[in-house]
């Protein structure tokens, strides 16, 4: 995320929410998924279903 100046608080909040939903959450490791990212977890799940 690059440093930016925002005109309003709402604009800043929307940019932060976009960052969290588009990059941070899909790629961060989740302890409930055995320290695997959600993207990797879904990929493995689909591979397992196709192999069965």
Protein backbone atom coordinates (compact mmCIF):
# COMPACT_ATOMS: atom_id res chain seq x y z
CA UNK A 1 0.00 0.00 0.00
CA UNK A 2 1.39 3.36 -0.95
CA UNK A 3 1.29 6.49 1.16
CA UNK A 4 -1.64 8.69 0.13
CA UNK A 5 -3.42 11.81 1.26
CA UNK A 6 -7.17 11.45 1.56
CA UNK A 7 -9.80 14.13 1.28
CA UNK A 8 -12.13 12.44 3.79
CA UNK A 9 -12.01 9.82 6.51
CA UNK A 10 -14.52 7.76 4.54
CA UNK A 11 -12.19 7.68 1.51
CA UNK A 12 -9.33 6.45 3.71
CA UNK A 13 -11.53 3.78 5.31
CA UNK A 14 -12.64 2.51 1.91
CA UNK A 15 -9.05 2.24 0.72
CA UNK A 16 -8.05 0.30 3.85
CA UNK A 17 -11.03 -2.05 3.51
CA UNK A 18 -10.11 -2.66 -0.13
CA UNK A 19 -6.55 -3.53 0.90
CA UNK A 20 -7.68 -5.93 3.62
CA UNK A 21 -10.22 -7.74 1.47
CA UNK A 22 -8.11 -7.93 -1.68
CA UNK A 23 -4.66 -8.72 -0.37
CA UNK A 24 -4.25 -9.15 3.36
CA UNK A 25 -7.03 -11.65 4.17
CA UNK A 26 -6.58 -14.00 1.18
CA UNK A 27 -2.82 -14.33 1.66
CA UNK A 28 -2.19 -14.13 5.39
CA UNK A 29 -1.77 -17.38 7.29
CA UNK A 30 -4.74 -18.40 9.43
CA UNK A 31 -4.23 -20.51 12.53
CA UNK A 32 -7.67 -22.12 12.11
CA UNK A 33 -6.55 -23.38 8.68
CA UNK A 34 -3.39 -24.92 10.15
CA UNK A 35 -1.34 -21.84 9.19
CA UNK A 36 -2.27 -21.93 5.53
CA UNK A 37 -3.64 -18.97 3.58
CA UNK A 38 -7.31 -19.15 2.55
CA UNK A 39 -6.31 -19.20 -1.11
CA UNK A 40 -3.97 -22.17 -0.59
CA UNK A 41 -6.54 -23.94 1.58
CA UNK A 42 -9.23 -23.67 -1.11
CA UNK A 43 -6.77 -24.77 -3.79
CA UNK A 44 -5.83 -27.87 -1.79
CA UNK A 45 -9.48 -28.60 -1.04
CA UNK A 46 -10.39 -28.49 -4.74
CA UNK A 47 -7.41 -30.69 -5.63
CA UNK A 48 -8.51 -33.22 -3.03
CA UNK A 49 -12.09 -33.24 -4.34
CA UNK A 50 -10.94 -33.71 -7.95
CA UNK A 51 -8.59 -36.55 -6.94
CA UNK A 52 -11.40 -38.45 -5.19
